N, C-alpha and C. Protein backbone atom coordinates (compact mmCIF):
# COMPACT_ATOMS: atom_id res chain seq x y z
N UNK A 1 -1.62 2.95 -3.34
CA UNK A 1 -0.50 2.23 -3.88
C UNK A 1 -0.21 1.05 -2.96
N UNK A 2 0.04 -0.11 -3.56
CA UNK A 2 0.45 -1.29 -2.81
C UNK A 2 1.96 -1.24 -2.66
N UNK A 3 2.46 -1.50 -1.45
CA UNK A 3 3.89 -1.57 -1.19
C UNK A 3 4.17 -2.93 -0.57
N UNK A 4 4.93 -3.74 -1.26
CA UNK A 4 5.21 -5.09 -0.79
C UNK A 4 6.67 -5.30 -0.49
N UNK A 5 6.96 -6.47 0.06
CA UNK A 5 8.30 -6.89 0.47
C UNK A 5 8.85 -6.02 1.60
N UNK A 6 7.94 -5.55 2.45
CA UNK A 6 8.37 -4.79 3.63
C UNK A 6 8.92 -5.74 4.68
N UNK A 7 9.90 -5.27 5.42
CA UNK A 7 10.40 -6.04 6.56
C UNK A 7 9.28 -6.16 7.59
N UNK A 8 9.26 -7.26 8.31
CA UNK A 8 8.16 -7.51 9.24
C UNK A 8 8.17 -6.59 10.46
N UNK A 9 9.30 -5.92 10.72
CA UNK A 9 9.38 -4.99 11.85
C UNK A 9 9.09 -3.54 11.46
N UNK A 10 8.72 -3.30 10.21
CA UNK A 10 8.38 -1.95 9.75
C UNK A 10 7.05 -1.53 10.35
N UNK A 11 6.98 -0.28 10.79
CA UNK A 11 5.75 0.29 11.36
C UNK A 11 5.13 1.27 10.36
N UNK A 12 3.85 1.59 10.59
CA UNK A 12 3.16 2.56 9.73
C UNK A 12 3.93 3.87 9.69
N UNK A 13 4.46 4.29 10.82
CA UNK A 13 5.20 5.56 10.88
C UNK A 13 6.43 5.53 9.99
N UNK A 14 7.10 4.36 9.87
CA UNK A 14 8.26 4.24 8.99
C UNK A 14 7.87 4.43 7.53
N UNK A 15 6.74 3.83 7.14
CA UNK A 15 6.26 3.94 5.76
C UNK A 15 5.84 5.37 5.47
N UNK A 16 5.12 5.98 6.40
CA UNK A 16 4.67 7.37 6.23
C UNK A 16 5.88 8.29 6.07
N UNK A 17 6.89 8.10 6.87
CA UNK A 17 8.10 8.93 6.80
C UNK A 17 8.82 8.73 5.48
N UNK A 18 8.90 7.49 5.00
CA UNK A 18 9.57 7.21 3.73
C UNK A 18 8.91 7.94 2.57
N UNK A 19 7.59 7.86 2.49
CA UNK A 19 6.88 8.43 1.35
C UNK A 19 6.60 9.92 1.49
N UNK A 20 6.82 10.48 2.65
CA UNK A 20 6.66 11.92 2.83
C UNK A 20 5.47 12.25 3.70
N UNK A 21 5.74 12.67 4.90
CA UNK A 21 4.71 12.94 5.91
C UNK A 21 3.57 13.80 5.39
N UNK A 22 3.87 14.88 4.71
CA UNK A 22 2.82 15.77 4.23
C UNK A 22 2.12 15.30 2.97
N UNK A 23 2.73 14.36 2.27
CA UNK A 23 2.17 13.88 1.00
C UNK A 23 1.22 12.70 1.18
N UNK A 24 1.41 11.96 2.26
CA UNK A 24 0.65 10.74 2.49
C UNK A 24 -0.66 11.04 3.21
N UNK A 25 -1.75 10.54 2.65
CA UNK A 25 -3.06 10.71 3.27
C UNK A 25 -3.25 9.67 4.38
N UNK A 26 -2.96 8.40 4.07
CA UNK A 26 -2.98 7.39 5.12
C UNK A 26 -2.17 6.18 4.70
N UNK A 27 -1.83 5.37 5.69
CA UNK A 27 -1.08 4.14 5.51
C UNK A 27 -1.83 3.04 6.23
N UNK A 28 -2.08 1.94 5.53
CA UNK A 28 -2.69 0.75 6.13
C UNK A 28 -1.67 -0.37 6.03
N UNK A 29 -1.08 -0.70 7.15
CA UNK A 29 -0.06 -1.74 7.20
C UNK A 29 -0.73 -3.09 7.42
N UNK A 30 -0.37 -4.08 6.62
CA UNK A 30 -0.87 -5.43 6.83
C UNK A 30 -0.27 -5.98 8.11
N UNK A 31 -1.11 -6.49 9.00
CA UNK A 31 -0.66 -6.98 10.30
C UNK A 31 -1.10 -8.43 10.49
N UNK A 32 -0.18 -9.25 10.93
CA UNK A 32 -0.47 -10.63 11.26
C UNK A 32 -1.26 -10.64 12.57
N UNK A 33 -2.47 -11.17 12.54
CA UNK A 33 -3.33 -11.14 13.72
C UNK A 33 -2.79 -11.96 14.88
N UNK A 34 -2.07 -13.01 14.58
CA UNK A 34 -1.53 -13.87 15.65
C UNK A 34 -0.34 -13.23 16.36
N UNK A 35 0.55 -12.62 15.58
CA UNK A 35 1.78 -12.08 16.17
C UNK A 35 1.70 -10.59 16.46
N UNK A 36 0.83 -9.88 15.73
CA UNK A 36 0.75 -8.43 15.89
C UNK A 36 1.84 -7.69 15.13
N UNK A 37 2.69 -8.42 14.43
CA UNK A 37 3.77 -7.81 13.65
C UNK A 37 3.30 -7.56 12.23
N UNK A 38 4.06 -6.75 11.52
CA UNK A 38 3.76 -6.47 10.13
C UNK A 38 3.74 -7.74 9.31
N UNK A 39 2.94 -7.73 8.25
CA UNK A 39 2.78 -8.90 7.40
C UNK A 39 3.52 -8.74 6.07
N UNK A 40 4.34 -7.69 5.96
CA UNK A 40 5.18 -7.53 4.77
C UNK A 40 4.61 -6.67 3.67
N UNK A 41 3.47 -6.01 3.93
CA UNK A 41 2.90 -5.14 2.90
C UNK A 41 2.14 -3.99 3.54
N UNK A 42 1.87 -2.98 2.72
CA UNK A 42 1.08 -1.82 3.16
C UNK A 42 0.37 -1.23 1.95
N UNK A 43 -0.68 -0.47 2.24
CA UNK A 43 -1.36 0.32 1.23
C UNK A 43 -1.17 1.78 1.61
N UNK A 44 -0.70 2.57 0.68
CA UNK A 44 -0.41 3.98 0.93
C UNK A 44 -1.29 4.82 0.01
N UNK A 45 -2.00 5.77 0.60
CA UNK A 45 -2.83 6.71 -0.17
C UNK A 45 -2.20 8.09 -0.05
N UNK A 46 -2.20 8.81 -1.16
CA UNK A 46 -1.60 10.13 -1.22
C UNK A 46 -2.68 11.19 -1.38
N UNK A 47 -2.36 12.41 -0.95
CA UNK A 47 -3.28 13.53 -1.14
C UNK A 47 -3.36 13.92 -2.61
N UNK A 48 -2.22 13.79 -3.31
CA UNK A 48 -2.11 14.27 -4.69
C UNK A 48 -1.65 13.15 -5.61
N UNK A 49 -2.28 13.01 -6.74
CA UNK A 49 -1.91 11.96 -7.70
C UNK A 49 -0.46 12.10 -8.17
N UNK A 50 -0.01 13.32 -8.37
CA UNK A 50 1.37 13.55 -8.82
C UNK A 50 2.37 13.00 -7.81
N UNK A 51 2.09 13.19 -6.51
CA UNK A 51 2.98 12.65 -5.47
C UNK A 51 2.99 11.12 -5.53
N UNK A 52 1.85 10.51 -5.79
CA UNK A 52 1.76 9.06 -5.90
C UNK A 52 2.57 8.56 -7.11
N UNK A 53 2.45 9.25 -8.23
CA UNK A 53 3.19 8.86 -9.42
C UNK A 53 4.69 9.00 -9.21
N UNK A 54 5.10 10.10 -8.56
CA UNK A 54 6.53 10.30 -8.26
C UNK A 54 7.05 9.21 -7.34
N UNK A 55 6.26 8.87 -6.32
CA UNK A 55 6.66 7.82 -5.38
C UNK A 55 6.77 6.47 -6.08
N UNK A 56 5.84 6.19 -6.97
CA UNK A 56 5.86 4.94 -7.71
C UNK A 56 7.17 4.79 -8.48
N UNK A 57 7.55 5.86 -9.17
CA UNK A 57 8.80 5.83 -9.96
C UNK A 57 10.02 5.73 -9.06
N UNK A 58 10.03 6.47 -7.96
CA UNK A 58 11.20 6.53 -7.08
C UNK A 58 11.40 5.27 -6.27
N UNK A 59 10.33 4.66 -5.77
CA UNK A 59 10.47 3.60 -4.78
C UNK A 59 10.32 2.17 -5.31
N UNK A 60 10.08 2.00 -6.58
CA UNK A 60 10.07 0.63 -7.14
C UNK A 60 11.49 0.08 -7.04
N UNK A 61 11.67 -0.98 -6.27
CA UNK A 61 12.99 -1.58 -6.08
C UNK A 61 13.87 -0.90 -5.06
N UNK A 62 13.37 0.17 -4.43
CA UNK A 62 14.12 0.94 -3.45
C UNK A 62 14.43 0.07 -2.23
N UNK A 63 15.66 0.15 -1.73
CA UNK A 63 16.04 -0.63 -0.55
C UNK A 63 15.57 0.08 0.72
N UNK A 64 14.79 -0.63 1.52
CA UNK A 64 14.20 -0.07 2.74
C UNK A 64 14.24 -1.17 3.80
N UNK A 65 14.90 -0.91 4.90
CA UNK A 65 15.10 -1.91 5.95
C UNK A 65 15.74 -3.19 5.36
N UNK A 66 16.73 -2.99 4.50
CA UNK A 66 17.49 -4.07 3.88
C UNK A 66 16.66 -4.99 2.97
N UNK A 67 15.56 -4.47 2.44
CA UNK A 67 14.74 -5.24 1.50
C UNK A 67 14.36 -4.33 0.33
N UNK A 68 14.26 -4.90 -0.86
CA UNK A 68 13.88 -4.12 -2.04
C UNK A 68 12.36 -4.07 -2.13
N UNK A 69 11.82 -2.84 -2.12
CA UNK A 69 10.37 -2.66 -2.15
C UNK A 69 9.77 -3.06 -3.49
N UNK A 70 8.56 -3.55 -3.42
CA UNK A 70 7.76 -3.82 -4.61
C UNK A 70 6.56 -2.89 -4.53
N UNK A 71 6.39 -2.05 -5.52
CA UNK A 71 5.25 -1.13 -5.51
C UNK A 71 4.38 -1.43 -6.73
N UNK A 72 3.08 -1.22 -6.53
CA UNK A 72 2.13 -1.45 -7.61
C UNK A 72 0.92 -0.58 -7.35
N UNK A 73 0.17 -0.27 -8.39
CA UNK A 73 -1.05 0.50 -8.23
C UNK A 73 -2.12 -0.41 -7.65
N UNK A 74 -2.90 0.12 -6.74
CA UNK A 74 -3.98 -0.63 -6.12
C UNK A 74 -5.30 -0.16 -6.70
N UNK A 75 -6.22 -1.08 -6.89
CA UNK A 75 -7.57 -0.76 -7.33
C UNK A 75 -8.39 -0.44 -6.09
N UNK A 76 -9.24 0.57 -6.15
CA UNK A 76 -10.08 0.91 -5.01
C UNK A 76 -10.91 -0.27 -4.56
N UNK A 77 -11.20 -0.32 -3.27
CA UNK A 77 -11.98 -1.40 -2.68
C UNK A 77 -13.32 -1.56 -3.38
N UNK A 78 -13.99 -0.44 -3.65
CA UNK A 78 -15.30 -0.51 -4.29
C UNK A 78 -15.20 -1.15 -5.67
N UNK A 79 -14.16 -0.83 -6.41
CA UNK A 79 -13.97 -1.41 -7.73
C UNK A 79 -13.68 -2.90 -7.63
N UNK A 80 -12.94 -3.31 -6.60
CA UNK A 80 -12.66 -4.73 -6.40
C UNK A 80 -13.96 -5.49 -6.15
N UNK A 81 -14.81 -4.93 -5.29
CA UNK A 81 -16.07 -5.59 -4.99
C UNK A 81 -16.93 -5.69 -6.24
N UNK A 82 -16.98 -4.64 -7.03
CA UNK A 82 -17.79 -4.64 -8.24
C UNK A 82 -17.25 -5.64 -9.26
N UNK A 83 -15.94 -5.70 -9.42
CA UNK A 83 -15.37 -6.61 -10.41
C UNK A 83 -15.59 -8.06 -10.02
N UNK A 84 -15.65 -8.35 -8.72
CA UNK A 84 -15.92 -9.72 -8.28
C UNK A 84 -17.36 -10.11 -8.55
N UNK A 85 -18.27 -9.15 -8.48
CA UNK A 85 -19.69 -9.45 -8.63
C UNK A 85 -20.15 -9.45 -10.09
N UNK A 86 -19.50 -8.71 -10.96
CA UNK A 86 -19.96 -8.55 -12.33
C UNK A 86 -20.15 -9.87 -13.09
N UNK A 87 -19.29 -10.87 -12.92
CA UNK A 87 -19.53 -12.12 -13.66
C UNK A 87 -20.86 -12.77 -13.30
N UNK A 88 -21.40 -12.44 -12.15
CA UNK A 88 -22.64 -13.05 -11.70
C UNK A 88 -23.86 -12.17 -11.95
N UNK A 89 -23.65 -10.98 -12.51
CA UNK A 89 -24.77 -10.12 -12.88
C UNK A 89 -25.33 -9.28 -11.77
N UNK A 90 -24.60 -9.11 -10.67
CA UNK A 90 -25.06 -8.22 -9.61
C UNK A 90 -23.90 -7.41 -9.08
N UNK A 91 -24.21 -6.36 -8.33
CA UNK A 91 -23.19 -5.47 -7.78
C UNK A 91 -23.27 -5.52 -6.27
N UNK A 92 -22.11 -5.67 -5.61
CA UNK A 92 -22.04 -5.65 -4.15
C UNK A 92 -22.10 -4.20 -3.67
N UNK A 93 -22.89 -3.93 -2.68
CA UNK A 93 -22.97 -2.59 -2.10
C UNK A 93 -22.54 -2.61 -0.67
């Protein structure tokens, strides 16, 4: 799941705690390479699809660190690579 509009001082641990420590498989926080601070978004993977669906419903527009979250479904990396290559007739591996 994509989570956007995060405050720049949010840490991975904050996101993991929000979505449920035992429910979250991993969190990838976007980080600005120059500053080392958060870049305002994260990708959250869940152990169970039902937990992801519940989180999607609950946290769309949810106020977190004084900002309203934007959540959206993310396409797997492999699918993104394949969809970029398909117009050209080949598949990225």
